């Protein structure tokens, strides 16, 4: 997950609507079923999906009252904490 990408996507959600990101996730998930995709291509699609889900989580924290910077930092701490375990 890339914090700058999540931050940008979070801004996109704030300016537009979460539905755009959810529909994009569905589209990307459908693309992963293409049998001719290479592992590297699947990795890129997976990274995009992860970043989009991350932005949705951050957006939820913001809607629950957390300041944007705090929501982003807490999300990344949670992600890094789960990687360390």
Protein backbone atom coordinates (compact mmCIF):
# COMPACT_ATOMS: atom_id res chain seq x y z
CA UNK A 1 0.00 0.00 0.00
CA UNK A 2 1.21 3.45 -0.86
CA UNK A 3 0.24 6.34 1.39
CA UNK A 4 0.37 8.99 -1.39
CA UNK A 5 -1.98 6.89 -3.53
CA UNK A 6 -4.37 6.30 -0.62
CA UNK A 7 -4.29 10.02 0.21
CA UNK A 8 -5.09 10.93 -3.40
CA UNK A 9 -7.91 8.39 -3.60
CA UNK A 10 -9.31 9.65 -0.29
CA UNK A 11 -9.43 13.17 -1.77
CA UNK A 12 -11.14 11.76 -4.85
CA UNK A 13 -13.77 10.10 -2.67
CA UNK A 14 -14.34 13.36 -0.76
CA UNK A 15 -14.78 15.32 -4.00
CA UNK A 16 -16.89 12.73 -5.81
CA UNK A 17 -18.40 9.62 -4.34
CA UNK A 18 -17.22 6.34 -2.86
CA UNK A 19 -19.33 4.47 -5.43
CA UNK A 20 -16.83 5.30 -8.19
CA UNK A 21 -14.06 3.58 -6.27
CA UNK A 22 -16.24 0.60 -5.35
CA UNK A 23 -17.23 0.10 -8.99
CA UNK A 24 -13.59 0.34 -10.04
CA UNK A 25 -12.67 -2.30 -7.47
CA UNK A 26 -15.36 -4.60 -8.86
CA UNK A 27 -14.03 -4.06 -12.38
CA UNK A 28 -10.43 -4.76 -11.35
CA UNK A 29 -11.49 -7.86 -9.43
CA UNK A 30 -13.26 -9.11 -12.56
CA UNK A 31 -10.09 -8.51 -14.58
CA UNK A 32 -8.10 -10.79 -12.26
CA UNK A 33 -10.05 -13.70 -13.71
CA UNK A 34 -8.51 -13.24 -17.17
CA UNK A 35 -6.39 -16.40 -17.58
CA UNK A 36 -3.76 -14.81 -19.81
CA UNK A 37 -2.66 -12.20 -17.24
CA UNK A 38 0.92 -12.52 -16.05
CA UNK A 39 1.85 -12.58 -12.37
CA UNK A 40 3.30 -9.07 -12.59
CA UNK A 41 0.04 -7.75 -14.01
CA UNK A 42 -1.96 -9.46 -11.27
CA UNK A 43 0.39 -7.91 -8.70
CA UNK A 44 -0.28 -4.43 -10.08
CA UNK A 45 -4.04 -4.99 -10.09
CA UNK A 46 -3.82 -6.34 -6.52
CA UNK A 47 -1.87 -3.28 -5.39
CA UNK A 48 -4.46 -0.96 -6.95
CA UNK A 49 -7.29 -2.84 -5.25
CA UNK A 50 -5.48 -2.71 -1.89
CA UNK A 51 -4.95 1.02 -2.19
CA UNK A 52 -8.61 1.57 -3.08
CA UNK A 53 -9.83 -0.47 -0.12
CA UNK A 54 -7.40 1.50 2.04
CA UNK A 55 -8.85 4.79 0.82
CA UNK A 56 -12.35 3.55 1.62
CA UNK A 57 -11.23 2.68 5.16
CA UNK A 58 -9.63 6.10 5.61
CA UNK A 59 -12.75 7.80 4.26
CA UNK A 60 -14.83 5.88 6.81
CA UNK A 61 -12.56 7.09 9.63
CA UNK A 62 -12.90 10.68 8.39
CA UNK A 63 -16.69 10.35 8.26
CA UNK A 64 -16.57 8.99 11.81
CA UNK A 65 -14.92 12.25 12.88
CA UNK A 66 -11.16 11.69 12.60
CA UNK A 67 -9.10 14.46 10.99
CA UNK A 68 -7.78 13.39 7.57
CA UNK A 69 -4.11 13.36 8.58
CA UNK A 70 -4.85 11.35 11.73
CA UNK A 71 -7.02 8.88 9.79
CA UNK A 72 -4.25 8.33 7.22
CA UNK A 73 -1.59 7.89 9.91
CA UNK A 74 -3.70 5.52 12.00
CA UNK A 75 -4.55 3.45 8.95
CA UNK A 76 -0.91 3.10 7.93
CA UNK A 77 0.11 2.22 11.51
CA UNK A 78 -2.54 -0.50 11.50
CA UNK A 79 -1.29 -1.84 8.17
CA UNK A 80 2.35 -1.78 9.22
CA UNK A 81 1.46 -3.36 12.53
CA UNK A 82 -0.27 -6.25 10.79
CA UNK A 83 2.76 -6.76 8.54
CA UNK A 84 5.13 -6.94 11.53
CA UNK A 85 3.14 -9.73 13.17
